[in-house]
Amino acid sequence: MTTVTDPFTPGSVVAASLTAAAVDAFDPVLRRMLAGTQVFIKQPDGRWRPRGCQLGLAQCFAFEDLEAPVQRATA
């Protein structure tokens, strides 16, 4: 079992892609839109939300759902 540590503070903005398992949870049309790199912002509760929610996504993701997050800036 691998323990993942989230080093980011709330308000951090990262560029990352979703893991295949997270993308597969969406319908085929959204899968194509979510397969590439997205920008996420860390919420106060520790989850990650797509920045701007351009696609109308109310869903938040756990740090484990993000692949290779790279910090961009703070919000």
N, C-alpha and C. Protein backbone atom coordinates (compact mmCIF):
# COMPACT_ATOMS: atom_id res chain seq x y z
N MET A 1 0.84 -1.17 0.00
CA MET A 1 0.00 0.00 0.00
C MET A 1 0.89 1.25 0.00
N THR A 2 0.59 2.18 -0.89
CA THR A 2 1.35 3.40 -0.99
C THR A 2 0.59 4.54 -0.33
N THR A 3 1.25 5.25 0.56
CA THR A 3 0.64 6.40 1.20
C THR A 3 1.01 7.64 0.41
N VAL A 4 0.00 8.40 0.03
CA VAL A 4 0.23 9.62 -0.75
C VAL A 4 0.07 10.81 0.17
N THR A 5 1.07 11.69 0.17
CA THR A 5 1.02 12.89 0.97
C THR A 5 0.75 14.08 0.06
N ASP A 6 -0.22 14.87 0.42
CA ASP A 6 -0.59 16.05 -0.35
C ASP A 6 0.14 17.25 0.26
N PRO A 7 1.19 17.77 -0.40
CA PRO A 7 1.97 18.86 0.16
C PRO A 7 1.39 20.25 -0.09
N PHE A 8 0.25 20.33 -0.76
CA PHE A 8 -0.31 21.62 -1.14
C PHE A 8 -1.25 22.20 -0.07
N THR A 9 -1.28 23.53 0.03
CA THR A 9 -2.16 24.20 0.98
C THR A 9 -3.46 24.57 0.26
N PRO A 10 -4.57 24.76 1.01
CA PRO A 10 -5.81 25.19 0.37
C PRO A 10 -5.58 26.48 -0.42
N GLY A 11 -6.17 26.52 -1.60
CA GLY A 11 -6.00 27.65 -2.49
C GLY A 11 -4.92 27.42 -3.53
N SER A 12 -4.12 26.36 -3.37
CA SER A 12 -3.09 26.05 -4.36
C SER A 12 -3.74 25.68 -5.68
N VAL A 13 -3.12 26.12 -6.76
CA VAL A 13 -3.61 25.81 -8.10
C VAL A 13 -2.57 24.91 -8.75
N VAL A 14 -3.00 23.78 -9.27
CA VAL A 14 -2.09 22.85 -9.92
C VAL A 14 -2.59 22.48 -11.31
N ALA A 15 -1.65 22.13 -12.17
CA ALA A 15 -1.98 21.56 -13.47
C ALA A 15 -1.77 20.06 -13.33
N ALA A 16 -2.78 19.29 -13.65
CA ALA A 16 -2.69 17.84 -13.51
C ALA A 16 -3.70 17.18 -14.44
N SER A 17 -3.51 15.90 -14.65
CA SER A 17 -4.51 15.12 -15.36
C SER A 17 -5.13 14.16 -14.35
N LEU A 18 -6.34 13.72 -14.65
CA LEU A 18 -7.01 12.76 -13.79
C LEU A 18 -6.52 11.36 -14.10
N THR A 19 -6.49 10.51 -13.10
CA THR A 19 -6.12 9.12 -13.33
C THR A 19 -7.17 8.47 -14.23
N ALA A 20 -6.79 7.38 -14.85
CA ALA A 20 -7.70 6.67 -15.75
C ALA A 20 -8.97 6.25 -15.02
N ALA A 21 -8.83 5.81 -13.78
CA ALA A 21 -10.01 5.38 -13.01
C ALA A 21 -10.98 6.54 -12.79
N ALA A 22 -10.48 7.74 -12.52
CA ALA A 22 -11.35 8.89 -12.31
C ALA A 22 -12.03 9.30 -13.61
N VAL A 23 -11.30 9.27 -14.72
CA VAL A 23 -11.87 9.64 -16.02
C VAL A 23 -12.94 8.63 -16.44
N ASP A 24 -12.70 7.36 -16.18
CA ASP A 24 -13.65 6.31 -16.58
C ASP A 24 -14.99 6.42 -15.87
N ALA A 25 -15.06 7.18 -14.77
CA ALA A 25 -16.31 7.33 -14.04
C ALA A 25 -17.31 8.23 -14.79
N PHE A 26 -16.85 8.95 -15.81
CA PHE A 26 -17.71 9.86 -16.56
C PHE A 26 -18.22 9.21 -17.84
N ASP A 27 -19.28 9.81 -18.43
CA ASP A 27 -19.80 9.30 -19.68
C ASP A 27 -18.77 9.55 -20.80
N PRO A 28 -18.89 8.85 -21.92
CA PRO A 28 -17.88 8.92 -22.98
C PRO A 28 -17.60 10.34 -23.51
N VAL A 29 -18.60 11.19 -23.58
CA VAL A 29 -18.38 12.55 -24.09
C VAL A 29 -17.48 13.33 -23.14
N LEU A 30 -17.75 13.26 -21.84
CA LEU A 30 -16.93 13.97 -20.88
C LEU A 30 -15.53 13.36 -20.75
N ARG A 31 -15.41 12.06 -20.97
CA ARG A 31 -14.09 11.42 -20.88
C ARG A 31 -13.09 12.08 -21.80
N ARG A 32 -13.52 12.37 -23.03
CA ARG A 32 -12.60 12.98 -23.99
C ARG A 32 -12.18 14.37 -23.52
N MET A 33 -13.08 15.12 -22.89
CA MET A 33 -12.76 16.47 -22.42
C MET A 33 -11.87 16.46 -21.19
N LEU A 34 -12.01 15.42 -20.36
CA LEU A 34 -11.27 15.36 -19.10
C LEU A 34 -9.97 14.59 -19.19
N ALA A 35 -9.69 13.99 -20.33
CA ALA A 35 -8.51 13.13 -20.44
C ALA A 35 -7.20 13.90 -20.42
N GLY A 36 -7.19 15.15 -20.82
CA GLY A 36 -5.95 15.92 -20.87
C GLY A 36 -5.66 16.63 -19.56
N THR A 37 -4.67 17.50 -19.61
CA THR A 37 -4.29 18.27 -18.44
C THR A 37 -5.35 19.31 -18.11
N GLN A 38 -5.71 19.39 -16.84
CA GLN A 38 -6.69 20.34 -16.35
C GLN A 38 -6.03 21.18 -15.27
N VAL A 39 -6.68 22.26 -14.88
CA VAL A 39 -6.20 23.07 -13.77
C VAL A 39 -7.15 22.85 -12.60
N PHE A 40 -6.59 22.49 -11.44
CA PHE A 40 -7.37 22.20 -10.25
C PHE A 40 -6.98 23.16 -9.13
N ILE A 41 -7.94 23.44 -8.24
CA ILE A 41 -7.67 24.28 -7.08
C ILE A 41 -8.03 23.49 -5.82
N LYS A 42 -7.15 23.53 -4.83
CA LYS A 42 -7.39 22.78 -3.59
C LYS A 42 -8.42 23.50 -2.73
N GLN A 43 -9.40 22.75 -2.28
CA GLN A 43 -10.47 23.27 -1.43
C GLN A 43 -10.07 23.19 0.04
N PRO A 44 -10.73 23.97 0.90
CA PRO A 44 -10.41 23.93 2.34
C PRO A 44 -10.58 22.54 2.97
N ASP A 45 -11.47 21.71 2.40
CA ASP A 45 -11.68 20.37 2.96
C ASP A 45 -10.66 19.35 2.46
N GLY A 46 -9.69 19.81 1.63
CA GLY A 46 -8.63 18.93 1.16
C GLY A 46 -8.87 18.30 -0.20
N ARG A 47 -10.08 18.43 -0.72
CA ARG A 47 -10.35 17.87 -2.05
C ARG A 47 -9.94 18.87 -3.12
N TRP A 48 -9.93 18.42 -4.37
CA TRP A 48 -9.53 19.24 -5.50
C TRP A 48 -10.70 19.43 -6.45
N ARG A 49 -10.91 20.67 -6.90
CA ARG A 49 -12.01 21.00 -7.81
C ARG A 49 -11.41 21.56 -9.09
N PRO A 50 -11.97 21.18 -10.26
CA PRO A 50 -11.49 21.79 -11.50
C PRO A 50 -11.66 23.31 -11.42
N ARG A 51 -10.63 24.05 -11.74
CA ARG A 51 -10.69 25.51 -11.63
C ARG A 51 -11.68 26.05 -12.65
N GLY A 52 -12.61 26.87 -12.19
CA GLY A 52 -13.61 27.47 -13.06
C GLY A 52 -14.79 26.56 -13.35
N CYS A 53 -14.63 25.28 -13.14
CA CYS A 53 -15.69 24.30 -13.44
C CYS A 53 -16.32 24.58 -14.80
N GLN A 54 -15.48 24.79 -15.81
CA GLN A 54 -15.95 25.11 -17.15
C GLN A 54 -16.95 24.08 -17.68
N LEU A 55 -16.77 22.85 -17.27
CA LEU A 55 -17.62 21.78 -17.78
C LEU A 55 -18.84 21.53 -16.89
N GLY A 56 -19.09 22.41 -15.95
CA GLY A 56 -20.22 22.24 -15.06
C GLY A 56 -20.01 21.13 -14.05
N LEU A 57 -18.76 20.81 -13.75
CA LEU A 57 -18.48 19.73 -12.81
C LEU A 57 -18.59 20.21 -11.38
N ALA A 58 -19.51 19.65 -10.66
CA ALA A 58 -19.63 19.95 -9.24
C ALA A 58 -18.77 18.98 -8.45
N GLN A 59 -18.32 17.91 -9.10
CA GLN A 59 -17.57 16.86 -8.44
C GLN A 59 -16.17 17.33 -8.06
N CYS A 60 -15.75 16.97 -6.86
CA CYS A 60 -14.38 17.23 -6.42
C CYS A 60 -13.62 15.91 -6.44
N PHE A 61 -12.30 16.01 -6.47
CA PHE A 61 -11.46 14.82 -6.57
C PHE A 61 -10.49 14.78 -5.40
N ALA A 62 -10.09 13.57 -5.02
CA ALA A 62 -9.08 13.39 -4.00
C ALA A 62 -7.71 13.56 -4.64
N PHE A 63 -6.70 13.84 -3.83
CA PHE A 63 -5.34 14.02 -4.35
C PHE A 63 -4.89 12.78 -5.12
N GLU A 64 -5.32 11.61 -4.69
CA GLU A 64 -4.96 10.36 -5.35
C GLU A 64 -5.54 10.26 -6.76
N ASP A 65 -6.58 11.06 -7.05
CA ASP A 65 -7.20 11.06 -8.37
C ASP A 65 -6.40 11.88 -9.39
N LEU A 66 -5.44 12.67 -8.91
CA LEU A 66 -4.65 13.52 -9.79
C LEU A 66 -3.32 12.86 -10.12
N GLU A 67 -2.93 12.92 -11.39
CA GLU A 67 -1.64 12.40 -11.81
C GLU A 67 -0.68 13.55 -12.03
N ALA A 68 0.50 13.46 -11.45
CA ALA A 68 1.59 14.42 -11.66
C ALA A 68 1.19 15.88 -11.48
N PRO A 69 0.61 16.24 -10.32
CA PRO A 69 0.27 17.66 -10.14
C PRO A 69 1.51 18.53 -10.06
N VAL A 70 1.46 19.65 -10.76
CA VAL A 70 2.56 20.61 -10.78
C VAL A 70 1.98 21.95 -10.36
N GLN A 71 2.51 22.54 -9.29
CA GLN A 71 1.97 23.78 -8.78
C GLN A 71 2.16 24.90 -9.79
N ARG A 72 1.07 25.66 -10.01
CA ARG A 72 1.09 26.78 -10.94
C ARG A 72 1.22 28.10 -10.19
N ALA A 73 0.30 28.36 -9.27
CA ALA A 73 0.27 29.62 -8.51
C ALA A 73 -0.75 29.47 -7.40
N THR A 74 -0.87 30.46 -6.56
CA THR A 74 -1.93 30.45 -5.54
C THR A 74 -3.05 31.34 -6.01
N ALA A 75 -4.26 30.98 -5.61
CA ALA A 75 -5.44 31.74 -6.02
C ALA A 75 -5.62 32.99 -5.21
